[in-house]
Protein backbone atom coordinates (compact mmCIF):
# COMPACT_ATOMS: atom_id res chain seq x y z
CA MET A 1 154.70 96.83 -157.62
CA THR A 2 152.99 95.94 -161.35
CA ARG A 3 155.08 96.03 -164.41
CA GLN A 4 153.17 97.75 -167.27
CA PRO A 5 154.04 96.42 -170.60
CA ARG A 6 156.43 98.91 -173.11
CA HIS A 7 153.44 98.32 -175.62
CA PRO A 8 150.13 98.47 -173.99
CA ASP A 9 148.73 97.42 -177.63
CA ARG A 10 150.68 94.65 -178.00
CA ALA A 11 150.74 93.26 -174.54
CA GLU A 12 149.94 89.66 -174.41
CA LYS A 13 146.49 89.01 -173.49
CA THR A 14 144.96 85.31 -173.36
CA HIS A 15 141.35 84.99 -175.24
CA ALA A 16 139.02 82.78 -173.93
CA LEU A 17 137.03 81.60 -176.68
CA ASP A 18 134.07 79.67 -177.18
CA ASP A 19 133.25 76.86 -179.18
CA VAL A 20 131.84 78.60 -181.71
CA SER A 21 134.39 80.96 -182.29
CA LYS A 22 136.61 78.50 -182.42
CA ALA A 23 134.86 76.61 -184.96
CA ILE A 24 134.17 80.12 -186.68
CA ILE A 25 138.00 80.55 -187.05
CA GLU A 26 138.64 77.43 -188.20
CA GLN A 27 136.38 77.42 -191.16
CA LEU A 28 138.21 80.73 -192.04
CA GLN A 29 141.36 78.55 -191.80
CA GLN A 30 140.39 76.30 -194.52
CA ASP A 31 138.71 79.14 -196.86
CA GLY A 32 139.53 82.40 -195.92
CA ARG A 33 137.04 83.72 -198.81
CA ARG A 34 134.15 81.45 -197.01
CA SER A 35 130.80 83.36 -196.95
CA TYR A 36 129.63 84.44 -193.30
CA ALA A 37 126.19 82.72 -194.30
CA ALA A 38 128.14 79.13 -194.71
CA ILE A 39 130.06 79.71 -191.84
CA GLY A 40 126.82 80.13 -189.95
CA LYS A 41 125.41 77.04 -191.51
CA VAL A 42 128.13 74.91 -190.24
CA VAL A 43 128.50 76.60 -186.61
CA GLY A 44 124.56 77.20 -186.09
CA LEU A 45 124.38 80.94 -186.45
CA SER A 46 122.87 83.65 -188.59
CA GLU A 47 124.80 85.31 -191.21
CA ALA A 48 124.94 88.66 -189.04
CA ALA A 49 126.09 86.76 -185.80
CA VAL A 50 129.25 85.17 -187.80
CA ARG A 51 129.85 88.93 -189.22
CA GLN A 52 129.80 89.97 -185.51
CA ARG A 53 132.13 87.49 -184.17
CA VAL A 54 134.21 87.96 -186.92
CA GLN A 55 134.72 91.56 -186.65
CA ARG A 56 135.20 90.92 -182.68
CA LEU A 57 138.03 88.33 -183.45
CA VAL A 58 139.87 90.76 -185.98
CA GLU A 59 139.51 93.65 -183.49
CA SER A 60 140.82 92.08 -180.51
CA GLY A 61 143.88 90.54 -182.56
CA VAL A 62 142.79 87.18 -182.10
CA MET A 63 142.89 86.59 -185.70
CA GLN A 64 143.73 88.49 -189.28
CA VAL A 65 141.86 87.41 -192.39
CA VAL A 66 144.59 87.77 -195.46
CA ALA A 67 146.05 86.96 -198.53
CA VAL A 68 149.09 84.95 -198.31
CA THR A 69 151.16 85.23 -201.61
CA ASP A 70 154.13 83.50 -203.03
CA PRO A 71 156.76 86.27 -203.07
CA LEU A 72 158.71 84.65 -206.39
CA GLN A 73 154.90 85.21 -208.44
CA LEU A 74 155.31 88.91 -207.50
CA GLY A 75 158.59 89.49 -208.58
CA PHE A 76 160.45 89.20 -205.20
CA ALA A 77 163.64 86.65 -206.17
CA ARG A 78 164.83 86.44 -203.08
CA THR A 79 163.61 85.44 -199.33
CA ALA A 80 165.62 85.35 -196.79
CA MET A 81 165.55 85.07 -192.79
CA VAL A 82 167.84 87.32 -190.99
CA GLY A 83 168.90 86.59 -187.74
CA ILE A 84 170.36 89.20 -185.56
CA ARG A 85 172.24 90.25 -182.62
CA CYS A 86 171.87 93.35 -180.94
CA GLN A 87 173.48 95.50 -177.64
CA GLY A 88 170.85 96.65 -175.42
CA ALA A 89 166.93 96.90 -175.38
CA LEU A 90 165.51 94.27 -178.40
CA GLU A 91 162.29 96.02 -178.48
CA PRO A 92 163.39 99.53 -180.28
CA VAL A 93 165.54 97.63 -182.82
CA ALA A 94 162.36 95.50 -183.31
CA ASP A 95 160.08 98.22 -184.10
CA ALA A 96 162.59 99.45 -186.05
CA LEU A 97 162.69 96.49 -188.22
CA ALA A 98 159.02 96.43 -188.17
CA GLU A 99 158.87 99.64 -189.83
CA ILE A 100 161.06 98.54 -192.86
CA ASP A 101 158.89 97.59 -195.90
CA ALA A 102 160.99 94.80 -197.25
CA VAL A 103 160.84 93.26 -193.75
CA ASP A 104 157.70 91.30 -193.41
CA TYR A 105 158.03 89.17 -190.39
CA VAL A 106 159.89 90.27 -186.83
CA VAL A 107 160.45 88.11 -183.49
CA ILE A 108 162.33 88.50 -180.63
CA THR A 109 163.78 85.32 -179.31
CA ALA A 110 166.08 83.20 -177.17
CA GLY A 111 168.31 81.61 -178.57
CA SER A 112 171.98 82.54 -180.24
CA PHE A 113 169.87 85.42 -181.83
CA ASP A 114 167.97 88.26 -180.21
CA LEU A 115 165.61 88.79 -183.33
CA LEU A 116 164.74 86.90 -186.31
CA ALA A 117 163.58 88.88 -189.50
CA GLU A 118 162.01 87.50 -192.51
CA VAL A 119 162.75 89.55 -195.67
CA VAL A 120 161.87 90.01 -199.26
CA ALA A 121 163.88 91.40 -202.24
CA GLU A 122 163.74 91.75 -206.10
CA SER A 123 167.39 90.97 -206.52
CA ASP A 124 171.05 89.85 -204.77
CA GLU A 125 171.65 93.67 -205.02
CA GLY A 126 168.28 94.86 -203.26
CA LEU A 127 169.38 91.87 -200.53
CA LEU A 128 172.75 93.20 -199.98
CA ASP A 129 171.05 96.98 -199.59
CA LEU A 130 168.57 95.90 -197.27
CA VAL A 131 170.76 93.97 -194.86
CA SER A 132 173.61 96.30 -195.24
CA HIS A 133 171.96 99.63 -195.41
CA GLU A 134 168.83 99.26 -193.72
CA ILE A 135 169.11 96.27 -191.36
CA ARG A 136 172.68 96.76 -189.92
CA SER A 137 172.10 100.54 -189.67
CA ILE A 138 169.55 100.25 -186.73
CA PRO A 139 171.35 101.46 -183.71
CA GLY A 140 171.72 98.32 -181.41
CA VAL A 141 172.33 95.84 -184.16
CA THR A 142 175.87 94.34 -183.97
CA SER A 143 175.74 91.08 -186.49
CA THR A 144 173.39 89.68 -188.90
CA GLU A 145 173.45 86.48 -190.29
CA THR A 146 171.50 85.95 -193.51
CA PHE A 147 169.62 82.27 -194.09
CA MET A 148 168.46 82.78 -198.13
CA TYR A 149 165.81 80.69 -198.86
CA LEU A 150 166.27 77.93 -201.54
CA GLN A 151 163.04 76.08 -202.07
CA LEU A 152 159.31 76.56 -199.84
CA ARG A 153 158.14 73.18 -199.02
CA LYS A 154 155.47 74.07 -196.24
CA GLN A 155 154.03 77.13 -195.41
CA THR A 156 150.82 76.98 -193.55
CA TYR A 157 148.78 79.08 -190.80
CA SER A 158 146.03 76.42 -190.13
CA TRP A 159 147.23 75.13 -187.10
CA GLY A 160 143.85 75.07 -185.49
CA VAL A 161 142.18 76.42 -181.96
CA ARG A 162 142.39 74.62 -178.46
């Protein structure tokens, strides 16, 4: 019997990328605003061909092109990672966390926590309210531990392609 994923749209898929697609990704990791024409010159494709490849890579979920912001510069005084222990199925809890606006990252983990969620808040009071009233009220959550970020020393998304 073949097991079907609970969320077919989130099923883990491996995409075989050719060298040209990998080169396009690397160009965008260096500068997400780089023009398709400039990328085309580097990878040997026309601007239209690069545009089509980028669109396919985005639509297939292989990559996203986004602006990475500094939460402190946007008025969020508190950023933290919240370790969450659960009882029962983890997926519904992870999905409920993902629906909270102040949560920007959710992963199901192996280890002492079942889930990790990165959160941003405008103040200590906002962080307290988020953890106490939103996260801890999700059915299945049994405990949380909050790790406040004191200083960001590295944040990168350019790990390359293999």
